[in-house]
Protein backbone atom coordinates (compact mmCIF):
# COMPACT_ATOMS: atom_id res chain seq x y z
CA MET A 1 112.14 88.19 99.38
CA THR A 2 111.23 90.07 102.58
CA THR A 3 110.99 93.85 102.60
CA THR A 4 110.95 95.80 105.86
CA ILE A 5 108.70 98.85 105.90
CA ARG A 6 108.60 101.38 108.73
CA VAL A 7 105.09 102.73 109.18
CA PRO A 8 104.52 105.85 111.29
CA GLN A 9 101.87 105.13 113.87
CA SER A 10 99.45 107.55 115.49
CA TYR A 11 97.33 104.87 117.10
CA ALA A 12 98.33 105.72 120.65
CA SER A 13 95.53 107.04 122.83
CA HIS A 14 95.84 110.19 124.92
CA HIS A 15 94.36 108.35 127.93
CA SER A 16 96.71 107.36 130.74
CA ARG A 17 97.41 103.68 131.15
CA THR A 18 98.10 104.24 134.87
CA VAL A 19 94.67 105.77 135.46
CA ALA A 20 92.99 102.97 133.48
CA LEU A 21 94.91 100.38 135.52
CA LEU A 22 93.98 101.93 138.88
CA LEU A 23 90.33 102.31 137.89
CA CYS A 24 90.28 98.70 136.73
CA LEU A 25 91.87 97.48 139.98
CA PHE A 26 89.59 99.34 142.36
CA LEU A 27 86.36 99.95 140.41
CA GLY A 28 86.79 97.47 137.55
CA GLY A 29 83.66 95.48 138.26
CA PHE A 30 81.62 98.64 137.75
CA GLY A 31 83.29 99.45 134.41
CA ALA A 32 84.94 102.68 135.59
CA HIS A 33 88.01 102.12 133.40
CA ARG A 34 85.76 101.68 130.37
CA PHE A 35 83.91 104.91 131.17
CA TYR A 36 87.33 106.59 131.42
CA VAL A 37 88.42 105.58 127.88
CA GLY A 38 85.03 106.40 126.36
CA LYS A 39 83.56 102.93 125.98
CA SER A 40 80.34 103.85 127.75
CA GLY A 41 78.16 101.20 126.09
CA SER A 42 80.28 98.29 127.26
CA ALA A 43 80.80 100.04 130.61
CA VAL A 44 77.04 100.11 131.23
CA LEU A 45 76.84 96.42 130.28
CA MET A 46 79.71 95.68 132.64
CA LEU A 47 77.92 97.60 135.40
CA ILE A 48 74.78 95.50 134.88
CA LEU A 49 76.85 92.29 134.89
CA SER A 50 78.54 93.33 138.13
CA LEU A 51 75.12 93.73 139.75
CA CYS A 52 74.51 90.10 138.72
CA GLY A 53 77.85 89.09 140.26
CA VAL A 54 79.88 88.23 137.15
CA GLY A 55 81.37 91.62 136.18
CA TRP A 56 84.67 90.79 137.87
CA ILE A 57 85.50 88.22 135.15
CA TRP A 58 85.36 90.90 132.45
CA SER A 59 87.31 93.23 134.71
CA LEU A 60 90.06 90.62 135.13
CA ILE A 61 90.35 90.23 131.36
CA ASP A 62 90.54 94.02 130.95
CA LEU A 63 93.19 94.20 133.68
CA ILE A 64 95.38 91.76 131.75
CA MET A 65 94.80 93.74 128.54
CA ILE A 66 95.80 97.00 130.25
CA LEU A 67 98.95 95.44 131.68
CA THR A 68 99.99 94.04 128.28
CA GLY A 69 99.19 97.29 126.44
CA SER A 70 96.46 95.86 124.24
CA PHE A 71 93.56 97.79 125.78
CA THR A 72 91.97 100.31 123.40
CA ASP A 73 89.88 103.44 123.77
CA HIS A 74 86.57 104.12 122.01
CA TYR A 75 88.41 105.11 118.79
CA GLY A 76 90.36 101.84 118.72
CA ARG A 77 93.64 103.51 119.70
CA TYR A 78 95.88 101.64 122.13
CA VAL A 79 96.19 102.96 125.70
CA THR A 80 99.96 102.52 125.95
CA SER A 81 101.33 105.61 127.70
CA TRP A 82 101.77 105.28 131.46
CA ASP A 83 101.77 109.04 131.97
CA GLY A 84 99.07 109.98 129.45
CA GLY A 85 99.43 111.64 126.10
CA PRO A 86 100.07 109.88 122.83
CA GLN A 87 103.37 108.15 122.23
CA GLN A 88 104.91 108.33 118.81
CA SER A 89 106.07 104.90 117.83
CA THR A 90 107.10 103.41 114.55
CA PRO A 91 106.28 99.72 114.22
CA VAL A 92 108.17 97.58 111.79
CA VAL A 93 106.11 95.67 109.29
CA SER A 94 107.70 92.86 107.31
CA VAL A 95 106.19 92.18 103.93
CA THR A 96 107.05 89.05 101.98
CA THR A 97 106.96 89.57 98.25
CA ARG A 98 107.21 86.99 95.54
CA PRO A 99 109.54 87.38 92.60
CA PRO A 100 107.82 87.93 89.27
CA PRO A 101 106.90 84.70 87.50
CA GLN A 102 109.34 83.36 84.95
CA GLN A 103 108.36 83.91 81.34
CA ALA A 104 107.70 80.68 79.50
CA PRO A 105 110.34 80.06 76.87
CA THR A 106 109.11 81.07 73.46
CA HIS A 107 109.26 78.38 70.83
CA PRO A 108 109.76 79.29 67.22
CA VAL A 109 106.54 79.39 65.26
CA PRO A 110 106.53 76.76 62.51
CA PRO A 111 106.33 78.14 58.99
CA PRO A 112 102.92 78.08 57.33
CA PRO A 113 102.17 74.92 55.37
CA GLN A 114 103.20 74.92 51.73
CA LYS A 115 100.69 73.58 49.28
CA GLN A 116 101.60 71.05 46.65
CA ALA A 117 100.55 71.15 42.99
CA ASP A 118 97.50 68.90 43.63
CA GLU A 119 96.35 70.90 46.71
CA MET A 120 94.52 74.16 47.32
CA PHE A 121 93.60 76.39 50.28
CA CYS A 122 90.05 76.52 51.70
CA ASN A 123 88.60 80.03 51.31
CA SER A 124 86.78 79.76 54.71
CA CYS A 125 89.39 78.47 57.15
CA GLY A 126 92.64 78.43 55.15
CA ALA A 127 93.26 74.70 55.58
CA ILE A 128 94.91 72.70 52.80
CA ALA A 129 92.57 70.46 50.81
CA LYS A 130 93.10 68.20 47.79
CA LYS A 131 91.90 69.61 44.48
CA ASP A 132 89.63 66.62 43.84
CA GLU A 133 87.72 67.14 47.17
CA THR A 134 84.39 68.95 47.13
CA PHE A 135 84.26 69.97 50.82
CA CYS A 136 86.93 71.07 53.29
CA ARG A 137 87.81 68.41 55.87
CA ASN A 138 88.51 71.09 58.51
CA CYS A 139 85.44 73.33 58.38
CA GLY A 140 83.08 71.57 55.95
CA ALA A 141 82.76 74.52 53.56
CA ALA A 142 82.34 73.93 49.82
CA LEU A 143 85.65 74.25 48.00
CA GLN A 144 85.85 76.48 44.93
CA HIS A 145 88.01 75.02 42.16
């Protein structure tokens, strides 16, 4: 069974996606778009990598992430609004639940054993033993006659 749950989301960043996109296009190799969204640690690393000549690869990946809306700010909120300011969105989450397990059918409990005239019950385990036996076959206890 699948249940659909609507979860209110406040994971939209207040940073503008347009500004992040333009900074990534023109100054992306220097990490300007990462400085803009508050990711200063990775921005400094990107700046160092651009001085080595490989910062543009990271910038290209970030450009794709900004265009698809999967780029996040330093709080982990998505930069999705083109004009800035948070967008209120309500994602739909589908949850698959399993039905409760079936109860095993209950079988009738057999009646307790009935002793015959030449039998007796063991005082230790309650098993039936013959009156002429000295020890219980079930638990090995001495039988009292």
